[in-house]
Amino acid sequence: MINQEDNQGIAQLYHAVKHSIRRYLYELDGTQPHDMYDLVLRQVEQPLLEAILEHTKGNQSKAAEYLGLNRGTLRKKLRTYNLHK
C-alpha cells in the first residue's frame, strides 16, 4: 500500500524526469532528437540498477524482487551494463 510519503516521492521522481527531458530537448536548440524512447530508458535503467544493488548490498534476489523482475532477467540486464559481479 502506498502512503502519502511514497506518493510525494513518486511525484518528485516524475517531475525530476519530466524536467530533465524538457531541459534535454531545450538544449538540443532545434536539433531534432532521434530514438528518444530508447535513449531515456537506457539513461534511466543503469542508474536504477546501480542504486537498487547498492540499497540491497548486492543481493540480487532482493534487487530482483524490488524491481519486479525475475533473477534471470536482472542478471541479463546487469551483464548489459557490465554490472555483474
C-alpha atoms as a PDB file:
ATOM      1  CA  MET A   1       0.000   0.000   0.000  1.00  0.00           C
ATOM      2  CA  ILE A   2       1.352   3.424  -0.968  1.00  0.00           C
ATOM      3  CA  ASN A   3       1.287   6.041   1.761  1.00  0.00           C
ATOM      4  CA  GLN A   4       1.391   9.827   1.437  1.00  0.00           C
ATOM      5  CA  GLU A   5       5.191   9.935   1.796  1.00  0.00           C
ATOM      6  CA  ASP A   6       5.552   7.399  -1.025  1.00  0.00           C
ATOM      7  CA  ASN A   7       3.187   9.451  -3.186  1.00  0.00           C
ATOM      8  CA  GLN A   8       5.346  12.536  -2.624  1.00  0.00           C
ATOM      9  CA  GLY A   9       8.477  10.618  -3.578  1.00  0.00           C
ATOM     10  CA  ILE A  10       6.799   9.280  -6.705  1.00  0.00           C
ATOM     11  CA  ALA A  11       5.646  12.786  -7.658  1.00  0.00           C
ATOM     12  CA  GLN A  12       9.165  14.159  -7.102  1.00  0.00           C
ATOM     13  CA  LEU A  13      10.657  11.439  -9.292  1.00  0.00           C
ATOM     14  CA  TYR A  14       8.065  12.097 -12.002  1.00  0.00           C
ATOM     15  CA  HIS A  15       8.769  15.842 -12.006  1.00  0.00           C
ATOM     16  CA  ALA A  16      12.547  15.339 -11.972  1.00  0.00           C
ATOM     17  CA  VAL A  17      12.373  13.052 -15.004  1.00  0.00           C
ATOM     18  CA  LYS A  18       9.998  15.377 -16.855  1.00  0.00           C
ATOM     19  CA  HIS A  19      12.196  18.393 -16.069  1.00  0.00           C
ATOM     20  CA  SER A  20      15.325  16.572 -17.266  1.00  0.00           C
ATOM     21  CA  ILE A  21      13.682  15.598 -20.546  1.00  0.00           C
ATOM     22  CA  ARG A  22      12.406  19.133 -21.134  1.00  0.00           C
ATOM     23  CA  ARG A  23      15.882  20.524 -20.421  1.00  0.00           C
ATOM     24  CA  TYR A  24      17.462  17.997 -22.801  1.00  0.00           C
ATOM     25  CA  LEU A  25      15.027  18.975 -25.565  1.00  0.00           C
ATOM     26  CA  TYR A  26      15.669  22.684 -24.931  1.00  0.00           C
ATOM     27  CA  GLU A  27      19.438  22.186 -25.072  1.00  0.00           C
ATOM     28  CA  LEU A  28      19.124  20.482 -28.462  1.00  0.00           C
ATOM     29  CA  ASP A  29      18.403  24.019 -29.696  1.00  0.00           C
ATOM     30  CA  GLY A  30      16.237  22.989 -32.628  1.00  0.00           C
ATOM     31  CA  THR A  31      18.067  19.781 -33.480  1.00  0.00           C
ATOM     32  CA  GLN A  32      15.521  17.019 -33.897  1.00  0.00           C
ATOM     33  CA  PRO A  33      16.017  14.169 -31.416  1.00  0.00           C
ATOM     34  CA  HIS A  34      16.006  10.548 -32.529  1.00  0.00           C
ATOM     35  CA  ASP A  35      15.136   7.378 -30.623  1.00  0.00           C
ATOM     36  CA  MET A  36      14.166   9.323 -27.502  1.00  0.00           C
ATOM     37  CA  TYR A  37      12.330   6.364 -26.018  1.00  0.00           C
ATOM     38  CA  ASP A  38      15.364   4.081 -26.124  1.00  0.00           C
ATOM     39  CA  LEU A  39      17.688   6.903 -25.059  1.00  0.00           C
ATOM     40  CA  VAL A  40      15.654   7.682 -21.944  1.00  0.00           C
ATOM     41  CA  LEU A  41      15.250   4.030 -20.988  1.00  0.00           C
ATOM     42  CA  ARG A  42      18.996   3.411 -21.318  1.00  0.00           C
ATOM     43  CA  GLN A  43      19.815   6.509 -19.268  1.00  0.00           C
ATOM     44  CA  VAL A  44      17.379   5.556 -16.505  1.00  0.00           C
ATOM     45  CA  GLU A  45      17.901   1.792 -16.354  1.00  0.00           C
ATOM     46  CA  GLN A  46      21.592   1.682 -15.447  1.00  0.00           C
ATOM     47  CA  PRO A  47      21.440   4.147 -12.523  1.00  0.00           C
ATOM     48  CA  LEU A  48      18.271   2.415 -11.333  1.00  0.00           C
ATOM     49  CA  LEU A  49      20.039  -0.946 -11.274  1.00  0.00           C
ATOM     50  CA  GLU A  50      23.101   0.565  -9.579  1.00  0.00           C
ATOM     51  CA  ALA A  51      21.018   2.270  -6.885  1.00  0.00           C
ATOM     52  CA  ILE A  52      18.943  -0.838  -6.156  1.00  0.00           C
ATOM     53  CA  LEU A  53      22.061  -3.027  -5.942  1.00  0.00           C
ATOM     54  CA  GLU A  54      23.665  -0.532  -3.558  1.00  0.00           C
ATOM     55  CA  HIS A  55      20.497  -0.460  -1.469  1.00  0.00           C
ATOM     56  CA  THR A  56      20.324  -4.258  -1.298  1.00  0.00           C
ATOM     57  CA  LYS A  57      24.098  -4.519  -0.695  1.00  0.00           C
ATOM     58  CA  GLY A  58      24.488  -6.554  -3.880  1.00  0.00           C
ATOM     59  CA  ASN A  59      21.768  -9.080  -3.027  1.00  0.00           C
ATOM     60  CA  GLN A  60      20.471  -9.897  -6.496  1.00  0.00           C
ATOM     61  CA  SER A  61      17.470 -11.871  -5.254  1.00  0.00           C
ATOM     62  CA  LYS A  62      16.303  -8.924  -3.180  1.00  0.00           C
ATOM     63  CA  ALA A  63      17.114  -6.491  -6.012  1.00  0.00           C
ATOM     64  CA  ALA A  64      15.070  -8.559  -8.465  1.00  0.00           C
ATOM     65  CA  GLU A  65      12.167  -8.559  -6.008  1.00  0.00           C
ATOM     66  CA  TYR A  66      12.380  -4.750  -5.554  1.00  0.00           C
ATOM     67  CA  LEU A  67      12.412  -4.298  -9.324  1.00  0.00           C
ATOM     68  CA  GLY A  68       9.629  -6.788 -10.017  1.00  0.00           C
ATOM     69  CA  LEU A  69      11.931  -8.851 -12.230  1.00  0.00           C
ATOM     70  CA  ASN A  70      12.956 -12.458 -12.090  1.00  0.00           C
ATOM     71  CA  ARG A  71      16.617 -13.067 -11.235  1.00  0.00           C
ATOM     72  CA  GLY A  72      17.476 -14.254 -14.743  1.00  0.00           C
ATOM     73  CA  THR A  73      16.187 -11.030 -16.266  1.00  0.00           C
ATOM     74  CA  LEU A  74      18.064  -8.994 -13.681  1.00  0.00           C
ATOM     75  CA  ARG A  75      21.301 -10.868 -14.379  1.00  0.00           C
ATOM     76  CA  LYS A  76      20.890 -10.266 -18.114  1.00  0.00           C
ATOM     77  CA  LYS A  77      20.418  -6.533 -17.508  1.00  0.00           C
ATOM     78  CA  LEU A  78      23.437  -6.462 -15.192  1.00  0.00           C
ATOM     79  CA  ARG A  79      25.571  -8.055 -17.929  1.00  0.00           C
ATOM     80  CA  THR A  80      24.274  -5.498 -20.438  1.00  0.00           C
ATOM     81  CA  TYR A  81      25.648  -2.677 -18.266  1.00  0.00           C
ATOM     82  CA  ASN A  82      28.690  -4.641 -17.081  1.00  0.00           C
ATOM     83  CA  LEU A  83      27.387  -4.533 -13.501  1.00  0.00           C
ATOM     84  CA  HIS A  84      27.568  -8.264 -12.818  1.00  0.00           C
ATOM     85  CA  LYS A  85      29.946  -9.472 -10.136  1.00  0.00           C
END
